[in-house]
C-alpha cells in the first residue's frame, strides 16, 4: 500500500512538473504571438500613413490637373481670339488694298491682285 502511495505521489509530481513546464512554454509562445501582433499592428499603422500620403498626393494631383485644365481653356480661348483678330486684320487689309480682288472669301489670306486695266 505504501508503495502505491509513493507511486501516486511520484506520478503527481511528474505530472505537475510537466504541466508547469508546458504552462511556461505556453506563456512564452503567447508572449511571442503578442509581440508578433504588436509588430503587425505597427506595420498596419505605417501602411495607413502611407495610404493617407498617397491620398493626399492624389488629391494634389487632381487639383493641379484642374488648374492646368482651366489654364489650357484660357489659352485656347486666347489663341482663338488672336486667330479671329488676325483674320479680321487680313480682311481689312484686303478691303484697303487696291490690288486685291474682293472675292477671297473668309480664308483670311490675301486675294489675287487685280489685273491692270
PDB file of N, CA and C in Angstrom:
ATOM      1  N   UNK A   1       0.807  -1.177   0.000  1.00  0.00           N
ATOM      2  CA  UNK A   1       0.000   0.000   0.000  1.00  0.00           C
ATOM      3  C   UNK A   1       0.866   1.263   0.000  1.00  0.00           C
ATOM      4  N   UNK A   2       1.913   1.261   0.784  1.00  0.00           N
ATOM      5  CA  UNK A   2       2.809   2.404   0.831  1.00  0.00           C
ATOM      6  C   UNK A   2       3.474   2.583  -0.531  1.00  0.00           C
ATOM      7  N   UNK A   3       3.807   1.502  -1.161  1.00  0.00           N
ATOM      8  CA  UNK A   3       4.427   1.576  -2.493  1.00  0.00           C
ATOM      9  C   UNK A   3       3.474   2.227  -3.479  1.00  0.00           C
ATOM     10  N   UNK A   4       2.211   1.929  -3.361  1.00  0.00           N
ATOM     11  CA  UNK A   4       1.205   2.531  -4.247  1.00  0.00           C
ATOM     12  C   UNK A   4       1.102   4.030  -4.000  1.00  0.00           C
ATOM     13  N   UNK A   5       1.116   4.432  -2.731  1.00  0.00           N
ATOM     14  CA  UNK A   5       1.087   5.857  -2.404  1.00  0.00           C
ATOM     15  C   UNK A   5       2.324   6.582  -2.931  1.00  0.00           C
ATOM     16  N   UNK A   6       3.463   5.947  -2.821  1.00  0.00           N
ATOM     17  CA  UNK A   6       4.704   6.542  -3.325  1.00  0.00           C
ATOM     18  C   UNK A   6       4.625   6.691  -4.846  1.00  0.00           C
ATOM     19  N   UNK A   7       4.113   5.674  -5.511  1.00  0.00           N
ATOM     20  CA  UNK A   7       3.981   5.733  -6.981  1.00  0.00           C
ATOM     21  C   UNK A   7       3.020   6.843  -7.381  1.00  0.00           C
ATOM     22  N   UNK A   8       1.896   6.969  -6.686  1.00  0.00           N
ATOM     23  CA  UNK A   8       0.911   8.017  -6.977  1.00  0.00           C
ATOM     24  C   UNK A   8       1.536   9.383  -6.728  1.00  0.00           C
ATOM     25  N   UNK A   9       2.262   9.535  -5.649  1.00  0.00           N
ATOM     26  CA  UNK A   9       2.914  10.808  -5.333  1.00  0.00           C
ATOM     27  C   UNK A   9       3.943  11.169  -6.392  1.00  0.00           C
ATOM     28  N   UNK A  10       4.727  10.198  -6.826  1.00  0.00           N
ATOM     29  CA  UNK A  10       5.738  10.439  -7.871  1.00  0.00           C
ATOM     30  C   UNK A  10       5.050  10.830  -9.174  1.00  0.00           C
ATOM     31  N   UNK A  11       3.984  10.121  -9.506  1.00  0.00           N
ATOM     32  CA  UNK A  11       3.246  10.436 -10.741  1.00  0.00           C
ATOM     33  C   UNK A  11       2.654  11.836 -10.651  1.00  0.00           C
ATOM     34  N   UNK A  12       2.154  12.200  -9.463  1.00  0.00           N
ATOM     35  CA  UNK A  12       1.589  13.528  -9.284  1.00  0.00           C
ATOM     36  C   UNK A  12       2.669  14.593  -9.467  1.00  0.00           C
ATOM     37  N   UNK A  13       3.837  14.387  -8.871  1.00  0.00           N
ATOM     38  CA  UNK A  13       4.943  15.344  -9.000  1.00  0.00           C
ATOM     39  C   UNK A  13       5.410  15.472 -10.452  1.00  0.00           C
ATOM     40  N   UNK A  14       5.540  14.352 -11.125  1.00  0.00           N
ATOM     41  CA  UNK A  14       5.985  14.364 -12.521  1.00  0.00           C
ATOM     42  C   UNK A  14       4.949  15.080 -13.386  1.00  0.00           C
ATOM     43  N   UNK A  15       3.688  14.757 -13.182  1.00  0.00           N
ATOM     44  CA  UNK A  15       2.609  15.365 -13.958  1.00  0.00           C
ATOM     45  C   UNK A  15       2.534  16.869 -13.686  1.00  0.00           C
ATOM     46  N   UNK A  16       2.645  17.267 -12.424  1.00  0.00           N
ATOM     47  CA  UNK A  16       2.559  18.694 -12.112  1.00  0.00           C
ATOM     48  C   UNK A  16       3.764  19.455 -12.666  1.00  0.00           C
ATOM     49  N   UNK A  17       4.923  18.832 -12.671  1.00  0.00           N
ATOM     50  CA  UNK A  17       6.103  19.479 -13.264  1.00  0.00           C
ATOM     51  C   UNK A  17       5.942  19.610 -14.777  1.00  0.00           C
ATOM     52  N   UNK A  18       5.380  18.578 -15.412  1.00  0.00           N
ATOM     53  CA  UNK A  18       5.125  18.652 -16.860  1.00  0.00           C
ATOM     54  C   UNK A  18       4.131  19.760 -17.168  1.00  0.00           C
ATOM     55  N   UNK A  19       3.090  19.837 -16.354  1.00  0.00           N
ATOM     56  CA  UNK A  19       2.091  20.901 -16.550  1.00  0.00           C
ATOM     57  C   UNK A  19       2.722  22.278 -16.364  1.00  0.00           C
ATOM     58  N   UNK A  20       3.554  22.401 -15.345  1.00  0.00           N
ATOM     59  CA  UNK A  20       4.220  23.677 -15.092  1.00  0.00           C
ATOM     60  C   UNK A  20       5.150  24.026 -16.250  1.00  0.00           C
ATOM     61  N   UNK A  21       5.874  23.018 -16.736  1.00  0.00           N
ATOM     62  CA  UNK A  21       6.776  23.257 -17.871  1.00  0.00           C
ATOM     63  C   UNK A  21       5.975  23.625 -19.123  1.00  0.00           C
ATOM     64  N   UNK A  22       4.872  22.916 -19.367  1.00  0.00           N
ATOM     65  CA  UNK A  22       4.028  23.211 -20.524  1.00  0.00           C
ATOM     66  C   UNK A  22       3.395  24.601 -20.382  1.00  0.00           C
ATOM     67  N   UNK A  23       3.010  24.958 -19.166  1.00  0.00           N
ATOM     68  CA  UNK A  23       2.436  26.287 -18.937  1.00  0.00           C
ATOM     69  C   UNK A  23       3.468  27.366 -19.256  1.00  0.00           C
ATOM     70  N   UNK A  24       4.714  27.125 -18.874  1.00  0.00           N
ATOM     71  CA  UNK A  24       5.779  28.095 -19.182  1.00  0.00           C
ATOM     72  C   UNK A  24       6.002  28.188 -20.694  1.00  0.00           C
ATOM     73  N   UNK A  25       6.002  27.040 -21.370  1.00  0.00           N
ATOM     74  CA  UNK A  25       6.134  27.046 -22.832  1.00  0.00           C
ATOM     75  C   UNK A  25       4.975  27.812 -23.457  1.00  0.00           C
ATOM     76  N   UNK A  26       3.766  27.579 -22.942  1.00  0.00           N
ATOM     77  CA  UNK A  26       2.583  28.275 -23.466  1.00  0.00           C
ATOM     78  C   UNK A  26       2.675  29.784 -23.213  1.00  0.00           C
ATOM     79  N   UNK A  27       3.168  30.174 -22.019  1.00  0.00           N
ATOM     80  CA  UNK A  27       3.345  31.603 -21.726  1.00  0.00           C
ATOM     81  C   UNK A  27       4.324  32.250 -22.709  1.00  0.00           C
ATOM     82  N   UNK A  28       5.439  31.567 -22.955  1.00  0.00           N
ATOM     83  CA  UNK A  28       6.444  32.100 -23.877  1.00  0.00           C
ATOM     84  C   UNK A  28       5.887  32.201 -25.301  1.00  0.00           C
ATOM     85  N   UNK A  29       5.135  31.189 -25.709  1.00  0.00           N
ATOM     86  CA  UNK A  29       4.519  31.204 -27.046  1.00  0.00           C
ATOM     87  C   UNK A  29       3.501  32.342 -27.148  1.00  0.00           C
ATOM     88  N   UNK A  30       2.716  32.535 -26.102  1.00  0.00           N
ATOM     89  CA  UNK A  30       1.745  33.620 -26.083  1.00  0.00           C
ATOM     90  C   UNK A  30       2.457  34.976 -26.150  1.00  0.00           C
ATOM     91  N   UNK A  31       3.563  35.122 -25.438  1.00  0.00           N
ATOM     92  CA  UNK A  31       4.327  36.367 -25.479  1.00  0.00           C
ATOM     93  C   UNK A  31       4.873  36.613 -26.888  1.00  0.00           C
ATOM     94  N   UNK A  32       5.346  35.554 -27.539  1.00  0.00           N
ATOM     95  CA  UNK A  32       5.828  35.682 -28.926  1.00  0.00           C
ATOM     96  C   UNK A  32       4.693  36.121 -29.858  1.00  0.00           C
ATOM     97  N   UNK A  33       3.518  35.514 -29.694  1.00  0.00           N
ATOM     98  CA  UNK A  33       2.363  35.877 -30.523  1.00  0.00           C
ATOM     99  C   UNK A  33       1.947  37.327 -30.283  1.00  0.00           C
ATOM    100  N   UNK A  34       1.998  37.759 -29.013  1.00  0.00           N
ATOM    101  CA  UNK A  34       1.661  39.153 -28.711  1.00  0.00           C
ATOM    102  C   UNK A  34       2.662  40.111 -29.359  1.00  0.00           C
ATOM    103  N   UNK A  35       3.930  39.763 -29.307  1.00  0.00           N
ATOM    104  CA  UNK A  35       4.954  40.601 -29.946  1.00  0.00           C
ATOM    105  C   UNK A  35       4.730  40.660 -31.456  1.00  0.00           C
ATOM    106  N   UNK A  36       4.405  39.522 -32.035  1.00  0.00           N
ATOM    107  CA  UNK A  36       4.125  39.481 -33.470  1.00  0.00           C
ATOM    108  C   UNK A  36       2.892  40.325 -33.810  1.00  0.00           C
ATOM    109  N   UNK A  37       1.868  40.226 -32.978  1.00  0.00           N
ATOM    110  CA  UNK A  37       0.651  41.013 -33.209  1.00  0.00           C
ATOM    111  C   UNK A  37       0.948  42.508 -33.080  1.00  0.00           C
ATOM    112  N   UNK A  38       1.763  42.876 -32.122  1.00  0.00           N
ATOM    113  CA  UNK A  38       2.131  44.289 -31.957  1.00  0.00           C
ATOM    114  C   UNK A  38       2.908  44.790 -33.175  1.00  0.00           C
ATOM    115  N   UNK A  39       3.841  43.979 -33.667  1.00  0.00           N
ATOM    116  CA  UNK A  39       4.610  44.370 -34.858  1.00  0.00           C
ATOM    117  C   UNK A  39       3.693  44.531 -36.067  1.00  0.00           C
ATOM    118  N   UNK A  40       2.746  43.623 -36.236  1.00  0.00           N
ATOM    119  CA  UNK A  40       1.799  43.741 -37.353  1.00  0.00           C
ATOM    120  C   UNK A  40       0.916  44.974 -37.198  1.00  0.00           C
ATOM    121  N   UNK A  41       0.530  45.267 -35.968  1.00  0.00           N
ATOM    122  CA  UNK A  41      -0.256  46.470 -35.721  1.00  0.00           C
ATOM    123  C   UNK A  41       0.512  47.726 -36.103  1.00  0.00           C
ATOM    124  N   UNK A  42       1.802  47.756 -35.766  1.00  0.00           N
ATOM    125  CA  UNK A  42       2.640  48.900 -36.146  1.00  0.00           C
ATOM    126  C   UNK A  42       2.808  48.972 -37.663  1.00  0.00           C
ATOM    127  N   UNK A  43       2.965  47.805 -38.296  1.00  0.00           N
ATOM    128  CA  UNK A  43       3.040  47.786 -39.766  1.00  0.00           C
ATOM    129  C   UNK A  43       1.750  48.314 -40.380  1.00  0.00           C
ATOM    130  N   UNK A  44       0.618  47.952 -39.777  1.00  0.00           N
ATOM    131  CA  UNK A  44      -0.667  48.430 -40.284  1.00  0.00           C
ATOM    132  C   UNK A  44      -0.753  49.954 -40.151  1.00  0.00           C
ATOM    133  N   UNK A  45      -0.273  50.488 -39.047  1.00  0.00           N
ATOM    134  CA  UNK A  45      -0.265  51.949 -38.876  1.00  0.00           C
ATOM    135  C   UNK A  45       0.614  52.615 -39.935  1.00  0.00           C
ATOM    136  N   UNK A  46       1.774  52.007 -40.206  1.00  0.00           N
ATOM    137  CA  UNK A  46       2.655  52.556 -41.249  1.00  0.00           C
ATOM    138  C   UNK A  46       1.958  52.539 -42.606  1.00  0.00           C
ATOM    139  N   UNK A  47       1.307  51.442 -42.920  1.00  0.00           N
ATOM    140  CA  UNK A  47       0.605  51.342 -44.206  1.00  0.00           C
ATOM    141  C   UNK A  47      -0.534  52.352 -44.302  1.00  0.00           C
ATOM    142  N   UNK A  48      -1.245  52.545 -43.183  1.00  0.00           N
ATOM    143  CA  UNK A  48      -2.325  53.544 -43.181  1.00  0.00           C
ATOM    144  C   UNK A  48      -1.766  54.939 -43.419  1.00  0.00           C
ATOM    145  N   UNK A  49      -0.619  55.231 -42.816  1.00  0.00           N
ATOM    146  CA  UNK A  49       0.016  56.538 -43.028  1.00  0.00           C
ATOM    147  C   UNK A  49       0.453  56.685 -44.486  1.00  0.00           C
ATOM    148  N   UNK A  50       1.010  55.621 -45.055  1.00  0.00           N
ATOM    149  CA  UNK A  50       1.397  55.658 -46.470  1.00  0.00           C
ATOM    150  C   UNK A  50       0.177  55.865 -47.359  1.00  0.00           C
ATOM    151  N   UNK A  51      -0.912  55.202 -47.034  1.00  0.00           N
ATOM    152  CA  UNK A  51      -2.147  55.357 -47.815  1.00  0.00           C
ATOM    153  C   UNK A  51      -2.673  56.787 -47.706  1.00  0.00           C
ATOM    154  N   UNK A  52      -2.599  57.367 -46.518  1.00  0.00           N
ATOM    155  CA  UNK A  52      -3.048  58.751 -46.341  1.00  0.00           C
ATOM    156  C   UNK A  52      -2.173  59.701 -47.160  1.00  0.00           C
ATOM    157  N   UNK A  53      -0.864  59.449 -47.183  1.00  0.00           N
ATOM    158  CA  UNK A  53       0.033  60.286 -48.004  1.00  0.00           C
ATOM    159  C   UNK A  53      -0.292  60.124 -49.485  1.00  0.00           C
ATOM    160  N   UNK A  54      -0.564  58.893 -49.907  1.00  0.00           N
ATOM    161  CA  UNK A  54      -0.919  58.659 -51.316  1.00  0.00           C
ATOM    162  C   UNK A  54      -2.233  59.350 -51.656  1.00  0.00           C
ATOM    163  N   UNK A  55      -3.200  59.312 -50.738  1.00  0.00           N
ATOM    164  CA  UNK A  55      -4.463  60.022 -50.949  1.00  0.00           C
ATOM    165  C   UNK A  55      -4.224  61.520 -51.097  1.00  0.00           C
ATOM    166  N   UNK A  56      -3.382  62.064 -50.223  1.00  0.00           N
ATOM    167  CA  UNK A  56      -3.081  63.497 -50.294  1.00  0.00           C
ATOM    168  C   UNK A  56      -2.374  63.838 -51.608  1.00  0.00           C
ATOM    169  N   UNK A  57      -1.441  62.989 -52.028  1.00  0.00           N
ATOM    170  CA  UNK A  57      -0.754  63.210 -53.311  1.00  0.00           C
ATOM    171  C   UNK A  57      -1.738  63.170 -54.464  1.00  0.00           C
ATOM    172  N   UNK A  58      -2.659  62.214 -54.419  1.00  0.00           N
ATOM    173  CA  UNK A  58      -3.654  62.100 -55.493  1.00  0.00           C
ATOM    174  C   UNK A  58      -4.564  63.321 -55.517  1.00  0.00           C
ATOM    175  N   UNK A  59      -4.957  63.798 -54.347  1.00  0.00           N
ATOM    176  CA  UNK A  59      -5.806  64.984 -54.286  1.00  0.00           C
ATOM    177  C   UNK A  59      -5.059  66.197 -54.829  1.00  0.00           C
ATOM    178  N   UNK A  60      -3.780  66.310 -54.486  1.00  0.00           N
ATOM    179  CA  UNK A  60      -2.972  67.416 -55.008  1.00  0.00           C
ATOM    180  C   UNK A  60      -2.852  67.310 -56.519  1.00  0.00           C
ATOM    181  N   UNK A  61      -2.668  66.094 -57.024  1.00  0.00           N
ATOM    182  CA  UNK A  61      -2.557  65.898 -58.475  1.00  0.00           C
ATOM    183  C   UNK A  61      -3.857  66.275 -59.172  1.00  0.00           C
ATOM    184  N   UNK A  62      -5.002  65.920 -58.568  1.00  0.00           N
ATOM    185  CA  UNK A  62      -6.292  66.298 -59.160  1.00  0.00           C
ATOM    186  C   UNK A  62      -6.451  67.817 -59.182  1.00  0.00           C
ATOM    187  N   UNK A  63      -6.042  68.479 -58.101  1.00  0.00           N
ATOM    188  CA  UNK A  63      -6.139  69.942 -58.047  1.00  0.00           C
ATOM    189  C   UNK A  63      -5.236  70.575 -59.099  1.00  0.00           C
ATOM    190  N   UNK A  64      -4.035  70.038 -59.247  1.00  0.00           N
ATOM    191  CA  UNK A  64      -3.110  70.552 -60.254  1.00  0.00           C
ATOM    192  C   UNK A  64      -3.669  70.328 -61.650  1.00  0.00           C
ATOM    193  N   UNK A  65      -4.224  69.151 -61.894  1.00  0.00           N
ATOM    194  CA  UNK A  65      -4.805  68.853 -63.203  1.00  0.00           C
ATOM    195  C   UNK A  65      -5.959  69.799 -63.510  1.00  0.00           C
ATOM    196  N   UNK A  66      -6.786  70.085 -62.518  1.00  0.00           N
ATOM    197  CA  UNK A  66      -7.905  71.005 -62.716  1.00  0.00           C
ATOM    198  C   UNK A  66      -7.397  72.407 -63.043  1.00  0.00           C
ATOM    199  N   UNK A  67      -6.383  72.848 -62.316  1.00  0.00           N
ATOM    200  CA  UNK A  67      -5.814  74.172 -62.575  1.00  0.00           C
ATOM    201  C   UNK A  67      -5.226  74.240 -63.979  1.00  0.00           C
ATOM    202  N   UNK A  68      -4.500  73.212 -64.365  1.00  0.00           N
ATOM    203  CA  UNK A  68      -3.896  73.185 -65.707  1.00  0.00           C
ATOM    204  C   UNK A  68      -4.969  73.130 -66.790  1.00  0.00           C
ATOM    205  N   UNK A  69      -6.046  72.423 -66.521  1.00  0.00           N
ATOM    206  CA  UNK A  69      -7.146  72.356 -67.484  1.00  0.00           C
ATOM    207  C   UNK A  69      -7.759  73.742 -67.683  1.00  0.00           C
ATOM    208  N   UNK A  70      -7.968  74.475 -66.581  1.00  0.00           N
ATOM    209  CA  UNK A  70      -8.510  75.834 -66.702  1.00  0.00           C
ATOM    210  C   UNK A  70      -7.548  76.730 -67.469  1.00  0.00           C
ATOM    211  N   UNK A  71      -6.243  76.622 -67.165  1.00  0.00           N
ATOM    212  CA  UNK A  71      -5.247  77.417 -67.884  1.00  0.00           C
ATOM    213  C   UNK A  71      -5.267  77.077 -69.375  1.00  0.00           C
ATOM    214  N   UNK A  72      -5.405  75.814 -69.697  1.00  0.00           N
ATOM    215  CA  UNK A  72      -5.452  75.380 -71.089  1.00  0.00           C
ATOM    216  C   UNK A  72      -6.656  75.982 -71.798  1.00  0.00           C
ATOM    217  N   UNK A  73      -7.813  75.953 -71.138  1.00  0.00           N
ATOM    218  CA  UNK A  73      -9.014  76.536 -71.735  1.00  0.00           C
ATOM    219  C   UNK A  73      -8.818  78.028 -72.008  1.00  0.00           C
ATOM    220  N   UNK A  74      -8.222  78.725 -71.048  1.00  0.00           N
ATOM    221  CA  UNK A  74      -7.972  80.162 -71.218  1.00  0.00           C
ATOM    222  C   UNK A  74      -7.038  80.395 -72.396  1.00  0.00           C
ATOM    223  N   UNK A  75      -5.991  79.606 -72.505  1.00  0.00           N
ATOM    224  CA  UNK A  75      -5.028  79.790 -73.598  1.00  0.00           C
ATOM    225  C   UNK A  75      -5.644  79.453 -74.951  1.00  0.00           C
ATOM    226  N   UNK A  76      -6.499  78.427 -74.975  1.00  0.00           N
ATOM    227  CA  UNK A  76      -7.200  78.110 -76.231  1.00  0.00           C
ATOM    228  C   UNK A  76      -8.112  79.267 -76.629  1.00  0.00           C
ATOM    229  N   UNK A  77      -8.799  79.816 -75.662  1.00  0.00           N
ATOM    230  CA  UNK A  77      -9.675  80.962 -75.937  1.00  0.00           C
ATOM    231  C   UNK A  77      -8.852  82.142 -76.438  1.00  0.00           C
ATOM    232  N   UNK A  78      -7.715  82.400 -75.802  1.00  0.00           N
ATOM    233  CA  UNK A  78      -6.835  83.486 -76.242  1.00  0.00           C
ATOM    234  C   UNK A  78      -6.350  83.249 -77.671  1.00  0.00           C
ATOM    235  N   UNK A  79      -5.981  82.007 -77.966  1.00  0.00           N
ATOM    236  CA  UNK A  79      -5.497  81.680 -79.314  1.00  0.00           C
ATOM    237  C   UNK A  79      -6.613  81.882 -80.336  1.00  0.00           C
ATOM    238  N   UNK A  80      -7.827  81.456 -79.997  1.00  0.00           N
ATOM    239  CA  UNK A  80      -8.961  81.650 -80.914  1.00  0.00           C
ATOM    240  C   UNK A  80      -9.215  83.134 -81.153  1.00  0.00           C
ATOM    241  N   UNK A  81      -9.136  83.921 -80.088  1.00  0.00           N
ATOM    242  CA  UNK A  81      -9.338  85.367 -80.215  1.00  0.00           C
ATOM    243  C   UNK A  81      -8.273  85.981 -81.121  1.00  0.00           C
ATOM    244  N   UNK A  82      -7.025  85.617 -80.901  1.00  0.00           N
ATOM    245  CA  UNK A  82      -5.942  86.142 -81.740  1.00  0.00           C
ATOM    246  C   UNK A  82      -6.109  85.721 -83.195  1.00  0.00           C
ATOM    247  N   UNK A  83      -6.522  84.482 -83.414  1.00  0.00           N
ATOM    248  CA  UNK A  83      -6.731  83.997 -84.778  1.00  0.00           C
ATOM    249  C   UNK A  83      -7.853  84.800 -85.450  1.00  0.00           C
ATOM    250  N   UNK A  84      -8.923  85.050 -84.727  1.00  0.00           N
ATOM    251  CA  UNK A  84     -10.038  85.823 -85.251  1.00  0.00           C
ATOM    252  C   UNK A  84      -9.599  87.250 -85.563  1.00  0.00           C
ATOM    253  N   UNK A  85      -8.834  87.835 -84.667  1.00  0.00           N
ATOM    254  CA  UNK A  85      -8.330  89.193 -84.903  1.00  0.00           C
ATOM    255  C   UNK A  85      -7.430  89.232 -86.132  1.00  0.00           C
ATOM    256  N   UNK A  86      -6.609  88.194 -86.308  1.00  0.00           N
ATOM    257  CA  UNK A  86      -5.728  88.140 -87.475  1.00  0.00           C
ATOM    258  C   UNK A  86      -6.560  88.057 -88.758  1.00  0.00           C
ATOM    259  N   UNK A  87      -7.604  87.239 -88.746  1.00  0.00           N
ATOM    260  CA  UNK A  87      -8.467  87.125 -89.923  1.00  0.00           C
ATOM    261  C   UNK A  87      -9.150  88.460 -90.230  1.00  0.00           C
ATOM    262  N   UNK A  88      -9.612  89.166 -89.205  1.00  0.00           N
ATOM    263  CA  UNK A  88     -10.240  90.464 -89.408  1.00  0.00           C
ATOM    264  C   UNK A  88      -9.240  91.475 -89.964  1.00  0.00           C
ATOM    265  N   UNK A  89      -8.011  91.397 -89.493  1.00  0.00           N
ATOM    266  CA  UNK A  89      -6.983  92.307 -89.991  1.00  0.00           C
ATOM    267  C   UNK A  89      -6.692  92.016 -91.458  1.00  0.00           C
ATOM    268  N   UNK A  90      -6.636  90.713 -91.822  1.00  0.00           N
ATOM    269  CA  UNK A  90      -6.465  90.362 -93.237  1.00  0.00           C
ATOM    270  C   UNK A  90      -7.605  90.948 -94.074  1.00  0.00           C
ATOM    271  N   UNK A  91      -8.824  90.813 -93.596  1.00  0.00           N
ATOM    272  CA  UNK A  91      -9.983  91.315 -94.343  1.00  0.00           C
ATOM    273  C   UNK A  91      -9.919  92.836 -94.499  1.00  0.00           C
ATOM    274  N   UNK A  92      -9.544  93.537 -93.430  1.00  0.00           N
ATOM    275  CA  UNK A  92      -9.416  94.995 -93.535  1.00  0.00           C
ATOM    276  C   UNK A  92      -8.348  95.371 -94.546  1.00  0.00           C
ATOM    277  N   UNK A  93      -7.245  94.628 -94.498  1.00  0.00           N
ATOM    278  CA  UNK A  93      -6.162  94.899 -95.446  1.00  0.00           C
ATOM    279  C   UNK A  93      -6.643  94.650 -96.870  1.00  0.00           C
ATOM    280  N   UNK A  94      -7.432  93.587 -97.081  1.00  0.00           N
ATOM    281  CA  UNK A  94      -7.945  93.280 -98.417  1.00  0.00           C
ATOM    282  C   UNK A  94      -8.890  94.374 -98.919  1.00  0.00           C
ATOM    283  N   UNK A  95      -9.685  94.938 -97.977  1.00  0.00           N
ATOM    284  CA  UNK A  95     -10.612  95.994 -98.416  1.00  0.00           C
ATOM    285  C   UNK A  95      -9.880  97.282 -98.747  1.00  0.00           C
ATOM    286  N   UNK A  96      -8.743  97.499 -98.141  1.00  0.00           N
ATOM    287  CA  UNK A  96      -7.974  98.721 -98.388  1.00  0.00           C
ATOM    288  C   UNK A  96      -7.085  98.582 -99.615  1.00  0.00           C
ATOM    289  N   UNK A  97      -6.537  97.400 -99.833  1.00  0.00           N
ATOM    290  CA  UNK A  97      -5.553  97.175-100.898  1.00  0.00           C
ATOM    291  C   UNK A  97      -6.215  97.268-102.272  1.00  0.00           C
ATOM    292  N   UNK A  98      -5.765  98.205-103.125  1.00  0.00           N
ATOM    293  CA  UNK A  98      -6.366  98.336-104.446  1.00  0.00           C
ATOM    294  C   UNK A  98      -5.993  97.192-105.375  1.00  0.00           C
ATOM    295  N   UNK A  99      -4.962  96.424-105.028  1.00  0.00           N
ATOM    296  CA  UNK A  99      -4.530  95.335-105.904  1.00  0.00           C
ATOM    297  C   UNK A  99      -5.209  94.013-105.580  1.00  0.00           C
ATOM    298  N   UNK A 100      -6.101  93.983-104.587  1.00  0.00           N
ATOM    299  CA  UNK A 100      -6.734  92.730-104.166  1.00  0.00           C
ATOM    300  C   UNK A 100      -8.159  92.705-104.696  1.00  0.00           C
ATOM    301  N   UNK A 101      -8.476  91.590-105.359  1.00  0.00           N
ATOM    302  CA  UNK A 101      -9.838  91.363-105.829  1.00  0.00           C
ATOM    303  C   UNK A 101     -10.670  90.961-104.614  1.00  0.00           C
ATOM    304  N   UNK A 102     -11.816  91.477-104.384  1.00  0.00           N
ATOM    305  CA  UNK A 102     -12.617  91.249-103.190  1.00  0.00           C
ATOM    306  C   UNK A 102     -13.278  89.897-103.121  1.00  0.00           C
ATOM    307  N   UNK A 103     -12.916  88.913-103.936  1.00  0.00           N
ATOM    308  CA  UNK A 103     -13.576  87.603-103.929  1.00  0.00           C
ATOM    309  C   UNK A 103     -12.790  86.551-103.154  1.00  0.00           C
ATOM    310  N   UNK A 104     -12.027  86.946-102.174  1.00  0.00           N
ATOM    311  CA  UNK A 104     -11.181  85.990-101.440  1.00  0.00           C
ATOM    312  C   UNK A 104     -11.986  85.106-100.507  1.00  0.00           C
ATOM    313  N   UNK A 105     -13.160  85.520-100.087  1.00  0.00           N
ATOM    314  CA  UNK A 105     -13.939  84.708 -99.141  1.00  0.00           C
ATOM    315  C   UNK A 105     -13.414  84.909 -97.733  1.00  0.00           C
ATOM    316  N   UNK A 106     -13.622  83.918 -96.892  1.00  0.00           N
ATOM    317  CA  UNK A 106     -13.226  84.029 -95.485  1.00  0.00           C
ATOM    318  C   UNK A 106     -11.918  83.301 -95.185  1.00  0.00           C
ATOM    319  N   UNK A 107     -11.044  83.165 -96.136  1.00  0.00           N
ATOM    320  CA  UNK A 107      -9.829  82.399 -95.887  1.00  0.00           C
ATOM    321  C   UNK A 107      -8.849  83.142 -95.017  1.00  0.00           C
ATOM    322  N   UNK A 108      -8.974  84.479 -94.967  1.00  0.00           N
ATOM    323  CA  UNK A 108      -8.016  85.234 -94.178  1.00  0.00           C
ATOM    324  C   UNK A 108      -6.731  85.460 -94.923  1.00  0.00           C
ATOM    325  N   UNK A 109      -6.619  84.943 -96.134  1.00  0.00           N
ATOM    326  CA  UNK A 109      -5.417  85.125 -96.950  1.00  0.00           C
ATOM    327  C   UNK A 109      -5.709  86.205 -97.989  1.00  0.00           C
ATOM    328  N   UNK A 110      -4.701  86.942 -98.381  1.00  0.00           N
ATOM    329  CA  UNK A 110      -4.931  87.987 -99.369  1.00  0.00           C
ATOM    330  C   UNK A 110      -5.411  87.385-100.681  1.00  0.00           C
ATOM    331  N   UNK A 111      -6.288  88.091-101.354  1.00  0.00           N
ATOM    332  CA  UNK A 111      -6.812  87.661-102.626  1.00  0.00           C
ATOM    333  C   UNK A 111      -5.771  87.922-103.708  1.00  0.00           C
ATOM    334  N   UNK A 112      -6.041  87.357-104.868  1.00  0.00           N
ATOM    335  CA  UNK A 112      -5.137  87.589-106.009  1.00  0.00           C
ATOM    336  C   UNK A 112      -5.247  89.051-106.410  1.00  0.00           C
ATOM    337  N   UNK A 113      -4.142  89.689-106.758  1.00  0.00           N
ATOM    338  CA  UNK A 113      -4.196  91.082-107.180  1.00  0.00           C
ATOM    339  C   UNK A 113      -5.051  91.238-108.440  1.00  0.00           C
ATOM    340  N   UNK A 114      -5.638  92.438-108.553  1.00  0.00           N
ATOM    341  CA  UNK A 114      -6.456  92.748-109.730  1.00  0.00           C
ATOM    342  C   UNK A 114      -5.533  92.869-110.942  1.00  0.00           C
ATOM    343  N   UNK A 115      -6.080  92.507-112.081  1.00  0.00           N
ATOM    344  CA  UNK A 115      -5.319  92.667-113.330  1.00  0.00           C
ATOM    345  C   UNK A 115      -5.339  94.155-113.706  1.00  0.00           C
ATOM    346  N   UNK A 116      -4.202  94.693-114.172  1.00  0.00           N
ATOM    347  CA  UNK A 116      -4.167  96.109-114.555  1.00  0.00           C
ATOM    348  C   UNK A 116      -5.078  96.334-115.763  1.00  0.00           C
ATOM    349  N   UNK A 117      -5.705  97.523-115.796  1.00  0.00           N
ATOM    350  CA  UNK A 117      -6.622  97.836-116.882  1.00  0.00           C
ATOM    351  C   UNK A 117      -6.085  98.867-117.770  1.00  0.00           C
TER     352      UNK A 117
END
